[in-house]
N, C-alpha and C. Protein backbone atom coordinates (compact mmCIF):
# COMPACT_ATOMS: atom_id res chain seq x y z
N UNK A 1 137.28 103.12 92.80
CA UNK A 1 136.12 102.61 92.13
C UNK A 1 135.07 102.13 93.11
N UNK A 2 133.94 101.68 92.54
CA UNK A 2 132.85 101.17 93.36
C UNK A 2 133.09 99.71 93.70
N UNK A 3 132.86 99.34 94.94
CA UNK A 3 132.88 97.95 95.37
C UNK A 3 131.58 97.68 96.10
N UNK A 4 131.28 96.41 96.32
CA UNK A 4 130.02 96.03 96.95
C UNK A 4 129.87 96.59 98.36
N UNK A 5 130.98 96.80 99.06
CA UNK A 5 130.90 97.29 100.43
C UNK A 5 131.64 98.61 100.63
N UNK A 6 131.96 99.30 99.54
CA UNK A 6 132.69 100.56 99.63
C UNK A 6 131.80 101.72 100.05
N UNK A 7 132.43 102.77 100.57
CA UNK A 7 131.72 103.98 100.94
C UNK A 7 131.49 104.85 99.70
N UNK A 8 130.37 105.55 99.68
CA UNK A 8 130.10 106.48 98.59
C UNK A 8 129.07 107.50 99.04
N UNK A 9 128.94 108.58 98.24
CA UNK A 9 127.94 109.60 98.49
C UNK A 9 127.53 110.19 97.15
N UNK A 10 126.22 110.33 96.95
CA UNK A 10 125.68 110.97 95.76
C UNK A 10 124.77 112.09 96.25
N UNK A 11 125.05 113.32 95.81
CA UNK A 11 124.29 114.49 96.23
C UNK A 11 123.74 115.16 94.96
N UNK A 12 122.42 115.14 94.80
CA UNK A 12 121.78 115.65 93.59
C UNK A 12 120.88 116.82 93.97
N UNK A 13 121.01 117.92 93.21
CA UNK A 13 120.20 119.12 93.46
C UNK A 13 119.41 119.46 92.21
N UNK A 14 118.11 119.65 92.38
CA UNK A 14 117.25 120.19 91.32
C UNK A 14 117.39 119.49 89.99
N UNK A 15 117.37 118.16 90.00
CA UNK A 15 117.39 117.42 88.74
C UNK A 15 115.96 117.42 88.18
N UNK A 16 115.84 117.54 86.87
CA UNK A 16 114.50 117.52 86.26
C UNK A 16 114.59 116.97 84.85
N UNK A 17 113.46 116.56 84.35
CA UNK A 17 113.38 116.01 83.01
C UNK A 17 112.01 115.40 82.80
N UNK A 18 111.96 114.38 81.93
CA UNK A 18 110.70 113.71 81.64
C UNK A 18 110.95 112.21 81.66
N UNK A 19 109.96 111.46 82.22
CA UNK A 19 109.98 110.01 82.21
C UNK A 19 108.66 109.56 81.61
N UNK A 20 108.70 108.77 80.54
CA UNK A 20 107.49 108.36 79.81
C UNK A 20 106.60 109.57 79.52
N UNK A 21 107.21 110.65 79.08
CA UNK A 21 106.53 111.90 78.69
C UNK A 21 105.87 112.63 79.86
N UNK A 22 106.24 112.29 81.09
CA UNK A 22 105.68 112.93 82.28
C UNK A 22 106.80 113.72 82.97
N UNK A 23 106.52 114.96 83.40
CA UNK A 23 107.55 115.75 84.09
C UNK A 23 108.05 115.04 85.36
N UNK A 24 109.37 115.05 85.53
CA UNK A 24 110.00 114.44 86.70
C UNK A 24 111.01 115.42 87.29
N UNK A 25 111.12 115.40 88.61
CA UNK A 25 112.09 116.28 89.29
C UNK A 25 112.45 115.66 90.63
N UNK A 26 113.59 116.07 91.16
CA UNK A 26 113.97 115.54 92.47
C UNK A 26 115.31 116.02 92.93
N UNK A 27 115.71 115.46 94.06
CA UNK A 27 117.00 115.79 94.63
C UNK A 27 117.18 115.09 95.95
N UNK A 28 118.32 115.33 96.55
CA UNK A 28 118.64 114.75 97.85
C UNK A 28 119.99 114.08 97.84
N UNK A 29 120.32 113.50 98.97
CA UNK A 29 121.63 112.87 99.11
C UNK A 29 121.45 111.44 99.61
N UNK A 30 122.19 110.52 98.98
CA UNK A 30 122.26 109.13 99.42
C UNK A 30 123.73 108.82 99.67
N UNK A 31 124.00 108.20 100.82
CA UNK A 31 125.38 107.86 101.14
C UNK A 31 125.43 106.53 101.87
N UNK A 32 126.55 105.84 101.71
CA UNK A 32 126.84 104.65 102.51
C UNK A 32 128.24 104.82 103.05
N UNK A 33 128.33 104.83 104.37
CA UNK A 33 129.62 105.00 105.04
C UNK A 33 129.72 103.96 106.15
N UNK A 34 130.72 103.11 106.07
CA UNK A 34 130.92 102.11 107.11
C UNK A 34 129.71 101.22 107.33
N UNK A 35 128.98 100.91 106.28
CA UNK A 35 127.81 100.05 106.41
C UNK A 35 126.53 100.77 106.78
N UNK A 36 126.59 102.08 106.99
CA UNK A 36 125.39 102.87 107.31
C UNK A 36 124.90 103.56 106.05
N UNK A 37 123.63 103.32 105.72
CA UNK A 37 122.99 104.03 104.62
C UNK A 37 122.35 105.29 105.17
N UNK A 38 122.57 106.43 104.49
CA UNK A 38 121.98 107.71 104.90
C UNK A 38 121.18 108.27 103.72
N UNK A 39 119.92 108.62 104.00
CA UNK A 39 119.04 109.25 103.02
C UNK A 39 118.72 110.64 103.56
N UNK A 40 119.21 111.65 102.87
CA UNK A 40 119.08 113.02 103.37
C UNK A 40 118.22 113.84 102.41
N UNK A 41 117.01 114.16 102.85
CA UNK A 41 116.08 115.00 102.08
C UNK A 41 115.88 114.49 100.66
N UNK A 42 115.66 113.17 100.52
CA UNK A 42 115.36 112.61 99.20
C UNK A 42 113.93 113.02 98.84
N UNK A 43 113.77 113.62 97.70
CA UNK A 43 112.44 114.00 97.22
C UNK A 43 112.41 113.82 95.71
N UNK A 44 111.41 113.07 95.26
CA UNK A 44 111.27 112.75 93.85
C UNK A 44 109.83 113.00 93.46
N UNK A 45 109.64 113.64 92.33
CA UNK A 45 108.30 113.88 91.81
C UNK A 45 108.19 113.37 90.39
N UNK A 46 107.08 112.73 90.10
CA UNK A 46 106.81 112.25 88.75
C UNK A 46 105.34 112.55 88.48
N UNK A 47 105.09 113.57 87.67
CA UNK A 47 103.71 114.00 87.44
C UNK A 47 103.06 114.39 88.76
N UNK A 48 101.92 113.77 89.07
CA UNK A 48 101.22 114.05 90.32
C UNK A 48 101.63 113.14 91.47
N UNK A 49 102.79 112.53 91.38
CA UNK A 49 103.27 111.62 92.42
C UNK A 49 104.51 112.22 93.09
N UNK A 50 104.51 112.19 94.42
CA UNK A 50 105.64 112.70 95.19
C UNK A 50 106.09 111.65 96.19
N UNK A 51 107.40 111.44 96.28
CA UNK A 51 107.99 110.50 97.23
C UNK A 51 109.07 111.23 98.00
N UNK A 52 109.08 111.06 99.33
CA UNK A 52 110.11 111.68 100.17
C UNK A 52 110.64 110.63 101.14
N UNK A 53 111.95 110.71 101.41
CA UNK A 53 112.61 109.76 102.31
C UNK A 53 113.73 110.48 103.02
N UNK A 54 113.84 110.24 104.33
CA UNK A 54 114.87 110.89 105.13
C UNK A 54 115.22 109.95 106.28
N UNK A 55 116.49 109.78 106.56
CA UNK A 55 116.88 108.97 107.71
C UNK A 55 118.10 108.11 107.42
N UNK A 56 118.27 107.06 108.27
CA UNK A 56 119.44 106.19 108.10
C UNK A 56 119.10 104.76 108.48
N UNK A 57 119.89 103.84 107.92
CA UNK A 57 119.74 102.42 108.20
C UNK A 57 121.13 101.83 108.39
N UNK A 58 121.32 101.15 109.51
CA UNK A 58 122.52 100.33 109.74
C UNK A 58 122.04 99.16 110.59
N UNK A 59 122.62 98.90 111.75
CA UNK A 59 122.08 97.88 112.64
C UNK A 59 120.73 98.30 113.19
N UNK A 60 120.45 99.59 113.12
CA UNK A 60 119.15 100.11 113.53
C UNK A 60 118.56 100.92 112.37
N UNK A 61 117.27 101.22 112.51
CA UNK A 61 116.54 101.95 111.46
C UNK A 61 116.00 103.25 112.05
N UNK A 62 116.13 104.33 111.31
CA UNK A 62 115.51 105.60 111.66
C UNK A 62 115.13 106.29 110.35
N UNK A 63 113.94 105.94 109.83
CA UNK A 63 113.50 106.43 108.53
C UNK A 63 112.15 107.13 108.64
N UNK A 64 112.00 108.20 107.88
CA UNK A 64 110.73 108.88 107.69
C UNK A 64 110.42 108.87 106.19
N UNK A 65 109.16 108.65 105.86
CA UNK A 65 108.79 108.54 104.45
C UNK A 65 107.43 109.18 104.20
N UNK A 66 107.20 109.52 102.95
CA UNK A 66 105.89 110.01 102.51
C UNK A 66 105.72 109.69 101.03
N UNK A 67 104.53 109.27 100.68
CA UNK A 67 104.17 109.02 99.28
C UNK A 67 102.81 109.63 99.06
N UNK A 68 102.70 110.45 98.02
CA UNK A 68 101.43 111.05 97.64
C UNK A 68 101.30 110.87 96.14
N UNK A 69 100.38 110.00 95.74
CA UNK A 69 100.21 109.74 94.31
C UNK A 69 98.75 109.88 93.92
N UNK A 70 98.51 110.76 92.96
CA UNK A 70 97.16 110.94 92.42
C UNK A 70 96.92 109.98 91.25
N UNK A 71 97.99 109.29 90.81
CA UNK A 71 97.88 108.38 89.68
C UNK A 71 98.95 107.31 89.81
N UNK A 72 98.59 106.14 90.36
CA UNK A 72 99.56 105.07 90.59
C UNK A 72 100.12 104.48 89.30
N UNK A 73 99.50 104.78 88.15
CA UNK A 73 100.05 104.27 86.89
C UNK A 73 101.40 104.91 86.57
N UNK A 74 101.71 106.02 87.24
CA UNK A 74 103.03 106.63 87.03
C UNK A 74 104.13 105.79 87.68
N UNK A 75 103.78 105.01 88.72
CA UNK A 75 104.76 104.15 89.38
C UNK A 75 104.87 102.79 88.71
N UNK A 76 103.76 102.28 88.21
CA UNK A 76 103.72 101.00 87.49
C UNK A 76 102.64 101.12 86.43
N UNK A 77 102.99 100.87 85.19
CA UNK A 77 102.09 101.15 84.06
C UNK A 77 100.73 100.46 84.17
N UNK A 78 100.67 99.28 84.81
CA UNK A 78 99.39 98.57 84.90
C UNK A 78 98.66 98.82 86.23
N UNK A 79 99.11 99.78 87.01
CA UNK A 79 98.45 100.13 88.27
C UNK A 79 97.55 101.33 88.07
N UNK A 80 96.56 101.46 88.97
CA UNK A 80 95.64 102.59 88.93
C UNK A 80 95.32 103.02 90.35
N UNK A 81 94.82 104.25 90.49
CA UNK A 81 94.33 104.71 91.78
C UNK A 81 95.14 105.81 92.40
N UNK A 82 94.71 106.16 93.61
CA UNK A 82 95.35 107.23 94.38
C UNK A 82 95.78 106.67 95.73
N UNK A 83 96.94 107.12 96.20
CA UNK A 83 97.44 106.65 97.49
C UNK A 83 98.24 107.75 98.16
N UNK A 84 97.93 107.98 99.43
CA UNK A 84 98.71 108.88 100.28
C UNK A 84 99.17 108.07 101.48
N UNK A 85 100.46 108.12 101.77
CA UNK A 85 100.99 107.38 102.90
C UNK A 85 102.15 108.17 103.49
N UNK A 86 102.27 108.11 104.81
CA UNK A 86 103.38 108.78 105.48
C UNK A 86 103.65 108.06 106.79
N UNK A 87 104.89 108.17 107.24
CA UNK A 87 105.18 107.54 108.52
C UNK A 87 106.64 107.51 108.85
N UNK A 88 106.94 106.72 109.87
CA UNK A 88 108.31 106.57 110.34
C UNK A 88 108.51 105.14 110.81
N UNK A 89 109.72 104.64 110.59
CA UNK A 89 110.12 103.32 111.07
C UNK A 89 111.40 103.52 111.86
N UNK A 90 111.39 103.02 113.10
CA UNK A 90 112.56 103.15 113.97
C UNK A 90 112.80 101.83 114.67
N UNK A 91 114.00 101.67 115.21
CA UNK A 91 114.32 100.45 115.95
C UNK A 91 115.27 99.58 115.18
N UNK A 92 115.12 98.28 115.32
CA UNK A 92 115.96 97.33 114.60
C UNK A 92 115.08 96.53 113.64
N UNK A 93 115.69 95.86 112.66
CA UNK A 93 114.88 95.04 111.76
C UNK A 93 114.06 93.98 112.51
N UNK A 94 114.58 93.44 113.59
CA UNK A 94 113.86 92.44 114.36
C UNK A 94 112.85 93.01 115.35
N UNK A 95 113.00 94.29 115.70
CA UNK A 95 112.12 94.95 116.68
C UNK A 95 111.78 96.37 116.21
N UNK A 96 111.09 96.49 115.07
CA UNK A 96 110.80 97.84 114.56
C UNK A 96 109.62 98.50 115.26
N UNK A 97 109.70 99.80 115.40
CA UNK A 97 108.55 100.62 115.81
C UNK A 97 108.05 101.30 114.54
N UNK A 98 106.75 101.23 114.31
CA UNK A 98 106.17 101.75 113.08
C UNK A 98 105.02 102.69 113.42
N UNK A 99 105.09 103.89 112.92
CA UNK A 99 104.01 104.87 113.03
C UNK A 99 103.71 105.32 111.61
N UNK A 100 102.55 104.92 111.07
CA UNK A 100 102.27 105.21 109.66
C UNK A 100 100.77 105.31 109.42
N UNK A 101 100.44 105.99 108.34
CA UNK A 101 99.05 106.05 107.89
C UNK A 101 99.02 105.94 106.38
N UNK A 102 97.90 105.43 105.87
CA UNK A 102 97.72 105.31 104.42
C UNK A 102 96.25 105.51 104.10
N UNK A 103 96.01 106.20 103.01
CA UNK A 103 94.65 106.44 102.52
C UNK A 103 94.69 106.27 101.01
N UNK A 104 93.74 105.49 100.49
CA UNK A 104 93.74 105.26 99.05
C UNK A 104 92.35 105.14 98.49
N UNK A 105 92.25 105.37 97.17
CA UNK A 105 90.97 105.27 96.46
C UNK A 105 91.21 104.65 95.09
N UNK A 106 90.28 103.77 94.71
CA UNK A 106 90.27 103.19 93.37
C UNK A 106 91.62 102.57 92.99
N UNK A 107 92.19 101.79 93.90
CA UNK A 107 93.50 101.19 93.69
C UNK A 107 93.35 99.88 92.93
N UNK A 108 94.21 99.69 91.95
CA UNK A 108 94.23 98.45 91.17
C UNK A 108 95.69 98.13 90.86
N UNK A 109 96.10 96.89 91.20
CA UNK A 109 97.48 96.47 90.92
C UNK A 109 97.55 94.94 90.94
N UNK A 110 98.04 94.36 89.87
CA UNK A 110 98.33 92.92 89.77
C UNK A 110 97.15 92.05 90.21
N UNK A 111 95.94 92.37 89.75
CA UNK A 111 94.77 91.56 90.08
C UNK A 111 94.07 91.95 91.37
N UNK A 112 94.67 92.84 92.15
CA UNK A 112 94.09 93.31 93.40
C UNK A 112 93.40 94.65 93.15
N UNK A 113 92.18 94.81 93.67
CA UNK A 113 91.46 96.08 93.52
C UNK A 113 90.86 96.47 94.86
N UNK A 114 90.93 97.76 95.19
CA UNK A 114 90.39 98.31 96.42
C UNK A 114 89.70 99.63 96.07
N UNK A 115 88.43 99.77 96.48
CA UNK A 115 87.73 101.03 96.26
C UNK A 115 88.21 102.11 97.24
N UNK A 116 88.24 101.76 98.53
CA UNK A 116 88.67 102.71 99.56
C UNK A 116 89.54 102.01 100.59
N UNK A 117 90.61 102.70 101.01
CA UNK A 117 91.53 102.18 102.02
C UNK A 117 91.84 103.28 103.02
N UNK A 118 91.71 102.96 104.30
CA UNK A 118 92.16 103.84 105.37
C UNK A 118 92.89 102.97 106.38
N UNK A 119 94.12 103.32 106.69
CA UNK A 119 94.90 102.52 107.63
C UNK A 119 95.77 103.41 108.50
N UNK A 120 95.86 103.05 109.76
CA UNK A 120 96.82 103.67 110.68
C UNK A 120 97.49 102.56 111.46
N UNK A 121 98.79 102.70 111.63
CA UNK A 121 99.58 101.73 112.38
C UNK A 121 100.40 102.50 113.39
N UNK A 122 100.27 102.10 114.64
CA UNK A 122 101.09 102.65 115.72
C UNK A 122 101.59 101.45 116.50
N UNK A 123 102.70 100.88 116.03
CA UNK A 123 103.22 99.64 116.59
C UNK A 123 104.58 99.87 117.24
N UNK A 124 104.72 99.38 118.45
CA UNK A 124 105.98 99.44 119.17
C UNK A 124 106.14 98.11 119.89
N UNK A 125 107.25 97.41 119.69
CA UNK A 125 107.42 96.09 120.31
C UNK A 125 107.68 96.14 121.82
N UNK A 126 107.83 97.31 122.39
CA UNK A 126 108.07 97.43 123.83
C UNK A 126 106.86 96.91 124.62
N UNK A 127 107.09 96.11 125.65
CA UNK A 127 105.96 95.62 126.46
C UNK A 127 105.28 96.73 127.25
N UNK A 128 105.85 97.92 127.29
CA UNK A 128 105.25 99.04 128.01
C UNK A 128 104.33 99.88 127.13
N UNK A 129 104.23 99.52 125.85
CA UNK A 129 103.49 100.33 124.89
C UNK A 129 102.29 99.55 124.36
N UNK A 130 101.14 100.19 124.28
CA UNK A 130 99.97 99.56 123.67
C UNK A 130 99.95 99.90 122.18
N UNK A 131 100.18 98.90 121.36
CA UNK A 131 100.18 99.09 119.91
C UNK A 131 98.75 99.08 119.39
N UNK A 132 98.55 99.75 118.24
CA UNK A 132 97.22 99.80 117.64
C UNK A 132 97.36 99.76 116.12
N UNK A 133 96.55 98.92 115.50
CA UNK A 133 96.48 98.82 114.06
C UNK A 133 95.01 98.93 113.65
N UNK A 134 94.68 99.91 112.84
CA UNK A 134 93.33 100.10 112.30
C UNK A 134 93.41 100.08 110.78
N UNK A 135 92.73 99.12 110.17
CA UNK A 135 92.71 99.03 108.71
C UNK A 135 91.25 98.85 108.29
N UNK A 136 90.81 99.71 107.39
CA UNK A 136 89.44 99.65 106.87
C UNK A 136 89.52 99.67 105.35
N UNK A 137 88.95 98.63 104.74
CA UNK A 137 88.97 98.49 103.29
C UNK A 137 87.54 98.28 102.80
N UNK A 138 87.14 99.01 101.78
CA UNK A 138 85.81 98.86 101.17
C UNK A 138 85.98 98.34 99.76
N UNK A 139 85.24 97.27 99.44
CA UNK A 139 85.28 96.62 98.12
C UNK A 139 86.69 96.18 97.75
N UNK A 140 87.12 95.13 98.41
CA UNK A 140 88.41 94.49 98.15
C UNK A 140 88.16 93.29 97.24
N UNK A 141 88.89 93.22 96.14
CA UNK A 141 88.75 92.04 95.28
C UNK A 141 90.13 91.62 94.79
N UNK A 142 90.25 90.30 94.62
CA UNK A 142 91.46 89.73 94.06
C UNK A 142 91.01 88.65 93.09
N UNK A 143 91.30 88.88 91.82
CA UNK A 143 90.85 88.01 90.74
C UNK A 143 89.34 87.81 90.87
N UNK A 144 88.82 86.61 91.14
CA UNK A 144 87.37 86.36 91.20
C UNK A 144 86.79 86.45 92.61
N UNK A 145 87.61 86.75 93.62
CA UNK A 145 87.14 86.82 95.00
C UNK A 145 86.89 88.26 95.40
N UNK A 146 85.80 88.48 96.18
CA UNK A 146 85.47 89.85 96.58
C UNK A 146 84.97 89.88 98.01
N UNK A 147 85.41 90.89 98.75
CA UNK A 147 84.92 91.19 100.09
C UNK A 147 84.38 92.61 100.06
N UNK A 148 83.15 92.80 100.56
CA UNK A 148 82.56 94.13 100.55
C UNK A 148 83.27 95.07 101.52
N UNK A 149 83.50 94.60 102.75
CA UNK A 149 84.16 95.43 103.75
C UNK A 149 85.10 94.57 104.59
N UNK A 150 86.28 95.12 104.84
CA UNK A 150 87.25 94.48 105.73
C UNK A 150 87.64 95.51 106.78
N UNK A 151 87.42 95.16 108.04
CA UNK A 151 87.76 96.05 109.14
C UNK A 151 88.64 95.30 110.13
N UNK A 152 89.80 95.84 110.37
CA UNK A 152 90.71 95.30 111.37
C UNK A 152 91.03 96.42 112.34
N UNK A 153 90.68 96.20 113.59
CA UNK A 153 90.97 97.17 114.64
C UNK A 153 91.56 96.38 115.79
N UNK A 154 92.86 96.52 115.97
CA UNK A 154 93.56 95.69 116.95
C UNK A 154 94.39 96.55 117.88
N UNK A 155 94.16 96.38 119.18
CA UNK A 155 94.97 97.01 120.21
C UNK A 155 95.57 95.90 121.05
N UNK A 156 96.85 96.02 121.36
CA UNK A 156 97.44 95.03 122.24
C UNK A 156 98.81 95.49 122.72
N UNK A 157 99.22 94.88 123.79
CA UNK A 157 100.59 95.04 124.27
C UNK A 157 101.35 93.85 123.74
N UNK A 158 102.46 94.09 123.08
CA UNK A 158 103.22 93.01 122.45
C UNK A 158 103.92 92.19 123.51
């Protein structure tokens, strides 16, 4: 049987159906062996939204991900907008290396609204590496507060 720390593997191929009347499909393998989580070619689609995940997590992290959504309301009923994001996370939870990008338009979720988002993160905690974070947001609002433009461009050696 299943236990909180037991090993298991689930391998799904070409599953499809409908969720909230929207076509859904996916597949991939998820496993936990000896405390190591493995995500092998996980791919899930819901309408115009695609999510992909590949890699493993134990004492260290080696994950690759991608999200492409033309309609964020498919992920959360009260959300709106478009978001594309992809990247990789490697290292340990305390010292992660992150290489990722995100681009979004007309995003709305839980009182937060963003007209345009462009972000790139190239972060490595190694003192030999120059990390860089670039985030540009146009028309950011949260409840009654609004900022026309937010630009963060940071380079540094950690």
